[in-house]
Protein backbone atom coordinates (compact mmCIF):
# COMPACT_ATOMS: atom_id res chain seq x y z
CA UNK A 1 -160.47 43.44 -112.94
CA UNK A 2 -162.15 46.71 -113.85
CA UNK A 3 -160.15 49.67 -115.12
CA UNK A 4 -160.14 52.74 -112.87
CA UNK A 5 -161.33 55.93 -114.59
CA UNK A 6 -159.40 59.13 -113.98
CA UNK A 7 -161.38 62.12 -112.72
CA UNK A 8 -160.71 65.26 -114.72
CA UNK A 9 -161.65 68.83 -113.87
CA UNK A 10 -163.98 70.57 -116.30
CA UNK A 11 -160.98 72.55 -117.56
CA UNK A 12 -158.90 69.43 -118.21
CA UNK A 13 -161.86 67.80 -119.95
CA UNK A 14 -162.35 70.84 -122.20
CA UNK A 15 -158.63 70.94 -123.04
CA UNK A 16 -158.46 67.23 -123.86
CA UNK A 17 -161.56 67.36 -126.07
CA UNK A 18 -160.35 70.54 -127.78
CA UNK A 19 -156.90 69.11 -128.48
CA UNK A 20 -158.37 65.86 -129.81
CA UNK A 21 -160.89 67.72 -132.00
CA UNK A 22 -158.02 69.70 -133.50
CA UNK A 23 -156.14 66.47 -134.25
CA UNK A 24 -159.23 64.98 -135.93
CA UNK A 25 -159.83 68.15 -137.96
CA UNK A 26 -156.20 67.96 -139.13
CA UNK A 27 -156.71 64.43 -140.43
CA UNK A 28 -155.85 62.15 -137.50
CA UNK A 29 -157.64 58.79 -137.58
CA UNK A 30 -160.86 58.50 -135.59
CA UNK A 31 -160.60 55.92 -132.80
CA UNK A 32 -164.27 54.91 -132.64
CA UNK A 33 -167.02 53.82 -135.01
CA UNK A 34 -169.32 56.80 -135.61
CA UNK A 35 -171.47 58.42 -138.26
CA UNK A 36 -170.71 61.86 -136.81
CA UNK A 37 -168.94 64.35 -139.08
CA UNK A 38 -168.17 67.16 -136.59
CA UNK A 39 -164.69 66.82 -135.07
CA UNK A 40 -165.81 68.19 -131.69
CA UNK A 41 -168.69 65.71 -131.44
CA UNK A 42 -166.34 62.87 -132.39
CA UNK A 43 -163.84 64.01 -129.74
CA UNK A 44 -166.61 64.13 -127.11
CA UNK A 45 -167.68 60.59 -127.99
CA UNK A 46 -164.07 59.39 -127.82
CA UNK A 47 -163.62 61.09 -124.43
CA UNK A 48 -166.78 59.49 -123.04
CA UNK A 49 -165.56 56.05 -124.18
CA UNK A 50 -162.11 56.66 -122.68
CA UNK A 51 -160.11 56.02 -125.84
CA UNK A 52 -158.32 59.35 -126.27
CA UNK A 53 -154.56 58.77 -125.96
CA UNK A 54 -153.87 62.00 -124.05
CA UNK A 55 -152.72 62.18 -120.43
CA UNK A 56 -152.81 65.03 -117.93
CA UNK A 57 -149.73 65.78 -115.89
CA UNK A 58 -150.56 67.61 -112.66
CA UNK A 59 -148.08 69.51 -110.52
CA UNK A 60 -148.30 69.13 -106.76
């Protein structure tokens, strides 16, 4: 059974990556294997792999 990927708006994507990059810059553990040193690039890679533990709550 394949996992369904959530569709995010470009604004949600930017917010998730920005928040995760800030966490990484503050010393949070990196969730993927990478040689990258830039926290934003690491956050982008984590987002693309779907491993960032952040959810989006939308109002209706």
